[in-house]
Protein backbone atom coordinates (compact mmCIF):
# COMPACT_ATOMS: atom_id res chain seq x y z
CA MET A 1 51.62 75.65 66.71
CA LYS A 2 49.08 77.89 68.43
CA PHE A 3 46.24 75.71 67.11
CA ILE A 4 48.00 72.56 68.34
CA LYS A 5 48.53 74.03 71.81
CA GLU A 6 44.91 75.13 72.05
CA PHE A 7 43.72 71.75 70.81
CA TRP A 8 45.92 69.94 73.35
CA LYS A 9 44.56 72.07 76.20
CA GLU A 10 41.02 71.15 75.18
CA GLN A 11 41.78 67.45 75.71
CA ASP A 12 40.76 67.38 79.35
CA THR A 13 41.16 63.66 80.05
CA LEU A 14 44.11 61.28 80.03
CA GLU A 15 42.47 58.93 77.52
CA ARG A 16 41.98 61.76 75.00
CA LYS A 17 45.57 62.93 75.33
CA LEU A 18 46.83 59.36 74.96
CA PHE A 19 44.67 58.81 71.87
CA TRP A 20 45.68 61.98 70.04
CA SER A 21 49.38 61.74 70.92
CA SER A 22 49.53 58.11 69.72
CA LEU A 23 47.52 58.92 66.59
CA ALA A 24 49.78 61.83 65.71
CA VAL A 25 52.98 59.84 66.27
CA ILE A 26 51.76 56.83 64.25
CA THR A 27 50.56 59.05 61.39
CA ILE A 28 53.87 60.94 61.22
CA VAL A 29 55.90 57.71 61.31
CA ALA A 30 53.69 56.18 58.58
CA VAL A 31 54.14 59.22 56.31
CA LEU A 32 57.91 59.30 56.87
CA SER A 33 58.13 55.57 56.23
CA SER A 34 56.22 55.91 52.95
CA VAL A 35 58.69 58.59 51.83
CA PHE A 36 61.64 56.44 52.85
CA THR A 37 60.35 53.36 50.99
CA VAL A 38 60.26 55.46 47.81
CA LEU A 39 63.82 56.68 48.41
CA GLU A 40 64.95 53.08 48.96
CA GLY A 41 63.34 52.00 45.71
CA MET A 42 61.11 49.40 47.37
CA ASP A 43 58.08 47.88 45.68
CA ALA A 44 55.13 50.25 45.32
CA ALA A 45 53.13 48.00 47.66
CA ALA A 46 55.41 49.06 50.54
CA SER A 47 54.64 52.75 49.99
CA ILE A 48 50.93 52.01 49.57
CA GLY A 49 50.97 50.08 52.86
CA CYS A 50 52.56 53.01 54.71
CA VAL A 51 50.11 55.48 53.21
CA GLY A 52 47.32 53.07 54.15
CA CYS A 53 48.45 53.22 57.79
CA ALA A 54 48.28 57.01 57.71
CA LEU A 55 44.79 56.92 56.15
CA VAL A 56 43.58 54.44 58.78
CA CYS A 57 44.83 56.81 61.49
CA LEU A 58 42.98 59.74 59.94
CA GLY A 59 39.82 57.66 59.60
CA VAL A 60 39.93 56.50 63.22
CA GLY A 61 40.62 60.08 64.34
CA GLY A 62 37.58 61.37 62.46
CA PHE A 63 35.39 58.63 63.94
CA ALA A 64 36.64 59.46 67.44
CA VAL A 65 35.74 63.13 66.98
CA ARG A 66 32.21 62.22 65.88
CA THR A 67 31.56 59.63 68.61
CA SER A 68 33.90 60.64 71.50
CA LEU A 69 34.69 56.91 71.95
CA TYR A 70 38.36 57.61 72.48
CA SER A 71 39.40 54.53 74.46
CA GLN A 72 37.59 52.23 72.01
CA CYS A 73 39.06 54.01 69.00
CA TYR A 74 42.55 53.81 70.49
CA LEU A 75 42.24 50.05 70.91
CA VAL A 76 40.86 49.66 67.37
CA LEU A 77 43.75 51.73 66.02
CA CYS A 78 46.31 49.56 67.81
CA CYS A 79 44.61 46.33 66.70
CA VAL A 80 44.36 47.35 63.04
CA LEU A 81 47.95 48.56 63.08
CA SER A 82 49.56 45.63 64.88
CA GLY A 83 47.24 42.82 63.75
CA LEU A 84 46.59 43.76 60.12
CA MET A 85 48.65 46.55 58.59
CA LEU A 86 52.06 45.61 59.99
CA PRO A 87 51.86 41.86 59.21
CA ILE A 88 50.94 42.75 55.62
CA MET A 89 53.70 45.34 55.42
CA PHE A 90 56.15 42.78 56.83
CA LEU A 91 55.57 40.72 53.69
CA PHE A 92 55.62 43.79 51.41
CA CYS A 93 58.71 45.44 52.89
CA GLY A 94 61.32 42.72 52.83
CA GLY A 95 60.44 40.58 55.86
CA PHE A 96 63.46 40.24 58.14
CA THR A 97 65.65 42.14 55.69
CA GLY A 98 63.65 45.28 56.57
CA GLY A 99 62.81 47.04 59.82
CA ILE A 100 59.16 46.04 60.22
CA PRO A 101 59.93 43.64 63.15
CA LEU A 102 60.86 46.74 65.15
CA TYR A 103 57.42 48.18 64.38
CA PHE A 104 55.92 44.91 65.63
CA VAL A 105 57.43 45.54 69.05
CA ALA A 106 56.35 49.19 69.10
CA SER A 107 52.76 48.34 68.14
CA LEU A 108 52.47 45.74 70.91
CA PHE A 109 53.88 48.34 73.30
CA LEU A 110 51.12 50.78 72.34
CA ILE A 111 48.41 48.19 73.09
CA ALA A 112 49.59 48.17 76.72
CA PHE A 113 48.42 51.79 77.09
CA SER A 114 44.79 50.91 76.40
CA GLU A 115 42.40 51.66 79.26
CA ARG A 116 40.06 48.79 78.35
CA THR A 117 41.93 46.14 80.32
CA GLY A 118 39.73 43.16 79.41
CA PHE A 119 40.00 43.73 75.64
CA GLN A 120 43.61 44.83 75.95
CA VAL A 121 44.84 41.31 76.77
CA TRP A 122 42.96 39.74 73.88
CA ALA A 123 44.11 42.46 71.50
CA PHE A 124 47.71 41.80 72.51
CA ILE A 125 47.42 38.02 72.12
CA ILE A 126 45.63 38.17 68.75
CA SER A 127 48.02 40.82 67.37
CA LEU A 128 51.02 38.82 68.51
CA LEU A 129 49.65 35.65 66.90
CA LEU A 130 48.98 37.44 63.60
CA GLN A 131 52.49 38.87 63.60
CA LEU A 132 53.90 35.40 64.27
CA CYS A 133 51.79 34.09 61.39
CA ALA A 134 53.34 36.68 59.08
CA ILE A 135 56.80 35.61 60.23
CA GLY A 136 55.86 31.96 59.75
CA ILE A 137 54.63 32.63 56.21
CA SER A 138 57.91 34.35 55.36
CA TRP A 139 59.79 31.29 56.60
CA ILE A 140 57.62 28.69 54.81
CA HIS A 141 57.15 30.74 51.63
CA PRO A 142 60.11 33.14 51.34
CA ASP A 143 59.05 33.86 47.76
CA TRP A 144 55.93 35.60 49.12
CA VAL A 145 58.10 38.32 50.68
CA LEU A 146 58.37 41.31 48.36
CA SER A 147 61.20 43.82 48.05
CA GLN A 148 63.85 41.77 49.86
CA LEU A 149 66.73 44.11 50.49
CA GLU A 150 70.44 43.68 49.88
CA ARG A 151 72.79 43.70 52.84
CA ASP A 152 73.60 47.42 52.76
CA ASP A 153 69.99 48.46 52.11
CA SER A 154 68.86 46.16 54.90
CA TYR A 155 71.18 47.84 57.42
CA VAL A 156 70.00 51.28 56.31
CA ASP A 157 66.36 50.24 56.61
CA MET A 158 66.96 48.77 60.06
CA VAL A 159 68.69 51.96 61.24
CA VAL A 160 65.92 54.18 59.90
CA SER A 161 63.23 51.89 61.36
CA LEU A 162 65.04 51.94 64.70
CA ILE A 163 65.07 55.73 64.64
CA PHE A 164 61.40 55.94 63.70
CA THR A 165 60.21 53.36 66.23
CA GLY A 166 62.45 54.81 68.93
CA MET A 167 61.03 58.27 68.30
CA ALA A 168 57.49 56.86 68.25
CA VAL A 169 57.88 54.96 71.51
CA TYR A 170 59.66 57.86 73.21
CA ALA A 171 57.16 60.48 72.03
CA THR A 172 54.13 58.37 72.96
CA ALA A 173 55.50 57.40 76.36
CA SER A 174 56.72 60.92 77.10
CA LEU A 175 53.43 62.56 76.15
CA THR A 176 51.49 59.93 78.07
CA VAL A 177 53.58 60.33 81.21
CA ASN A 178 53.28 64.13 81.04
CA ALA A 179 49.54 63.83 80.53
CA TYR A 180 49.35 61.44 83.48
CA ILE A 181 51.31 63.86 85.67
CA GLN A 182 49.00 66.72 84.72
CA GLU A 183 45.97 64.51 85.36
CA ARG A 184 47.35 63.52 88.75
CA LYS A 185 47.96 67.17 89.69
CA LYS A 186 44.44 68.07 88.57
CA ASN A 187 42.98 65.20 90.61
CA ALA A 188 45.07 66.20 93.64
CA LYS A 189 43.71 69.75 93.42
CA LEU A 190 40.19 68.40 93.01
CA LEU A 191 40.57 66.12 96.04
CA ALA A 192 42.00 68.97 98.08
CA ARG A 193 39.06 71.15 97.04
CA MET A 194 36.57 68.40 97.88
CA ASP A 195 38.26 67.88 101.25
CA TYR A 196 38.05 71.63 101.89
CA LEU A 197 34.37 71.76 100.92
CA SER A 198 33.56 68.74 103.07
CA THR A 199 34.65 70.66 106.17
CA ARG A 200 33.44 74.14 105.23
CA ASP A 201 30.10 75.88 105.18
CA SER A 202 29.22 76.75 101.56
CA LEU A 203 28.02 80.30 102.31
CA THR A 204 30.53 81.56 104.87
CA GLU A 205 33.48 79.18 104.30
CA VAL A 206 34.03 78.79 108.04
CA TYR A 207 33.82 75.24 109.38
CA ASN A 208 30.48 73.51 108.97
CA ARG A 209 28.50 72.02 111.86
CA ARG A 210 29.62 68.44 111.25
CA HIS A 211 33.31 69.25 111.18
CA MET A 212 33.00 71.65 114.10
CA GLY A 213 31.38 68.86 116.11
CA SER A 214 34.34 66.62 115.29
CA ILE A 215 36.80 69.30 116.47
CA LEU A 216 34.89 69.79 119.73
CA ALA A 217 34.65 66.05 120.35
CA ASN A 218 38.33 65.42 119.76
CA ALA A 219 40.93 68.20 119.72
CA VAL A 220 39.04 70.57 122.04
CA TRP A 221 37.74 67.97 124.45
CA ILE A 222 41.19 66.39 124.89
CA ARG A 223 42.65 69.80 125.90
CA ARG A 224 39.44 71.32 127.25
CA ASN A 225 41.17 73.20 130.09
CA ASP A 226 42.81 75.44 127.46
CA PHE A 227 39.60 76.49 125.71
CA TYR A 228 36.36 78.42 126.10
CA LEU A 229 33.35 77.94 123.90
CA LEU A 230 31.35 80.89 122.61
CA MET A 231 28.04 80.58 120.76
CA LEU A 232 26.70 83.68 118.98
CA ASN A 233 23.38 84.35 117.29
CA ILE A 234 22.59 87.34 115.06
CA ASP A 235 19.74 89.33 116.59
CA ASN A 236 16.61 90.04 114.55
CA LEU A 237 17.96 88.52 111.33
CA LYS A 238 14.47 87.34 110.42
CA ARG A 239 13.32 90.96 110.38
CA VAL A 240 16.28 91.92 108.18
CA ASN A 241 15.36 89.15 105.72
CA GLU A 242 11.72 90.23 105.63
CA THR A 243 12.42 93.93 105.11
CA LEU A 244 15.63 93.94 103.07
CA GLY A 245 15.61 90.48 101.48
CA HIS A 246 17.46 87.21 102.02
CA THR A 247 20.32 88.28 99.77
CA PHE A 248 21.23 91.06 102.16
CA GLY A 249 20.57 88.70 105.07
CA ASP A 250 23.21 86.38 103.62
CA GLN A 251 25.61 89.33 103.41
CA VAL A 252 25.08 89.96 107.12
CA ILE A 253 25.76 86.30 107.92
CA MET A 254 28.92 86.32 105.80
CA SER A 255 30.14 89.56 107.37
CA VAL A 256 29.71 88.21 110.90
CA ALA A 257 31.43 84.95 109.91
CA HIS A 258 34.34 86.87 108.39
CA LEU A 259 34.67 89.00 111.52
CA LEU A 260 34.78 85.93 113.74
CA ASP A 261 37.24 84.12 111.47
CA SER A 262 39.54 87.13 111.27
CA ASN A 263 39.67 87.28 115.08
CA ALA A 264 40.49 83.58 115.47
CA ASP A 265 44.12 82.95 116.38
CA PRO A 266 45.40 79.77 114.67
CA SER A 267 48.48 79.69 116.93
CA SER A 268 46.13 79.17 119.89
CA ASN A 269 44.12 76.57 117.91
CA GLU A 270 41.11 78.86 117.82
CA CYS A 271 38.48 78.10 115.20
CA VAL A 272 35.03 79.19 114.04
CA GLY A 273 32.09 77.20 112.74
CA ARG A 274 28.57 77.86 111.51
CA TYR A 275 26.35 75.98 113.92
CA ASP A 276 23.04 76.85 112.29
CA GLY A 277 21.55 79.44 109.90
CA ASP A 278 22.54 82.56 111.88
CA THR A 279 24.33 80.90 114.79
CA PHE A 280 28.09 80.46 115.14
CA VAL A 281 30.38 78.68 117.56
CA TYR A 282 33.83 80.00 118.32
CA VAL A 283 36.51 78.05 120.20
CA ILE A 284 38.55 80.63 122.13
CA GLY A 285 42.01 79.91 123.49
CA ALA A 286 42.57 81.97 126.64
CA GLN A 287 44.39 81.84 129.97
CA SER A 288 41.33 82.73 132.00
CA GLU A 289 37.58 83.16 131.74
CA VAL A 290 38.06 86.91 132.11
CA ASP A 291 40.29 87.00 129.00
CA ALA A 292 37.89 84.79 127.06
CA TYR A 293 34.90 86.94 128.00
CA ALA A 294 36.80 90.11 127.07
CA LYS A 295 37.54 88.73 123.62
CA ALA A 296 33.93 87.65 123.15
CA ASP A 297 32.63 91.06 124.18
CA LYS A 298 35.13 92.78 121.89
CA ILE A 299 33.67 90.80 118.98
CA ARG A 300 30.14 91.74 120.07
CA LYS A 301 31.08 95.43 119.99
CA ALA A 302 32.78 95.02 116.60
CA VAL A 303 29.56 93.58 115.16
CA VAL A 304 27.68 96.69 116.28
CA GLN A 305 30.16 98.84 114.33
CA MET A 306 29.72 96.95 111.06
CA ARG A 307 28.16 98.80 108.12
CA TRP A 308 27.15 97.89 104.55
CA GLU A 309 27.33 100.20 101.53
CA ASP A 310 23.90 99.21 100.22
CA HIS A 311 22.20 99.74 103.59
CA PRO A 312 24.38 102.06 105.72
CA HIS A 313 21.54 102.65 108.19
CA VAL A 314 21.35 99.00 109.22
CA GLN A 315 22.86 98.10 112.59
CA VAL A 316 23.29 94.47 113.59
CA THR A 317 23.86 93.02 117.03
CA VAL A 318 24.62 89.56 118.36
CA SER A 319 23.77 87.69 121.53
CA GLY A 320 25.95 84.95 122.91
CA GLY A 321 26.78 82.51 125.63
CA ILE A 322 30.25 81.50 126.76
CA ALA A 323 31.49 78.69 129.00
CA ALA A 324 34.78 77.13 130.01
CA CYS A 325 35.27 73.84 128.16
CA GLY A 326 37.07 72.49 131.23
CA ASN A 327 34.03 72.90 133.49
CA ARG A 328 33.68 69.61 135.37
CA SER A 329 29.91 69.62 135.06
CA PHE A 330 30.24 68.77 131.34
CA ARG A 331 30.30 65.05 130.65
CA ASP A 332 30.98 65.50 126.94
CA HIS A 333 31.07 68.10 124.18
CA ARG A 334 27.34 67.76 123.50
CA GLN A 335 26.47 68.85 127.02
CA MET A 336 28.92 71.73 126.62
CA LEU A 337 27.21 72.83 123.41
CA ALA A 338 23.80 72.56 125.03
CA LYS A 339 24.95 74.79 127.89
CA VAL A 340 26.36 77.60 125.74
CA GLU A 341 23.20 77.46 123.61
CA GLU A 342 21.13 77.86 126.78
CA LEU A 343 23.27 80.84 127.80
CA MET A 344 22.88 82.37 124.33
CA TYR A 345 19.08 82.16 124.49
CA SER A 346 19.24 83.61 127.99
CA ALA A 347 21.13 86.60 126.54
CA LYS A 348 18.49 87.04 123.85
CA SER A 349 15.63 86.83 126.34
CA GLN A 350 17.25 89.42 128.61
CA GLY A 351 17.56 92.19 126.03
CA LYS A 352 19.95 90.88 123.32
CA ASN A 353 23.27 92.45 122.29
CA GLN A 354 25.11 90.84 125.22
CA ILE A 355 27.25 87.86 126.20
CA ARG A 356 26.15 85.66 129.10
CA ASN A 357 28.40 83.33 131.08
CA MET A 358 27.71 80.64 133.66
CA VAL A 359 28.48 82.94 136.58
CA GLU A 360 25.92 85.52 135.49
CA ASN A 361 23.37 82.85 134.79
């Protein structure tokens, strides 16, 4: 059981799970049917036909492992079963006095699960025609039907066949539906992850520039009187990269991003984005410019206090510019961004480690 569970987990696609579940069910039913034909005292050809079905399943399974052509192998399995093996077994196992017609229905049902839609239709039509041919032969030449069963044996065979086909259909459909549900959950997680990555910066995991621009152009600009925009740049990061390496420089960038993100208040719709390599934008929700500036300066001071275990002597500062989003001189969010960037560079040119606003400038 442990091996089966591990093997099932390794089947990472829906088509593989469908193939192996169908193969296992058909093989088990074929083996049980071969045993039952012996118990019923049917002609040896009936048992040989059932064993042949099981051998075909094993052969197709081995070919699938070697080639990984699971969808093609599944369709071949269904076609051989429904279009060749079952029509022959219909004639060997008593025709309509046995339960093979029930297997006809189950085999056609399995074809519907094939992922190769174009071939699926033709496989269904050809298999159905071959099964009808077998039925027609039994009607025209009833003497060609072997092991015709007596009334009581016929009822027993029909009941057993109904149980086997019912179990086969239920097991295949159940396993397929469960596999589909798991596949859908996996795809939903993947889509959610892709959606997350499409809006986030890969290094810092704060919003990326594109998504931040969308937020500023829409949510922030619509309610611009409620927000202030802060742009921060890490001072002397180039020197840090040159002396201590880019790996540590990335740690500094991530630390500053984490500090900004941890200070953002989601209830006030605050958010942080990486605007450029070592530059961040922070949408601050505040009642006044004084409150917004105080929060920005608090962050500036917190950056100064940051330390790293590998380089405890390193001290980092930031320079920034802040402006009220509701300032009437801004025609759009781009002009607003340009202004806070101008203020940020003004802070850097006037000594760094400070926040400049429009009043001071």
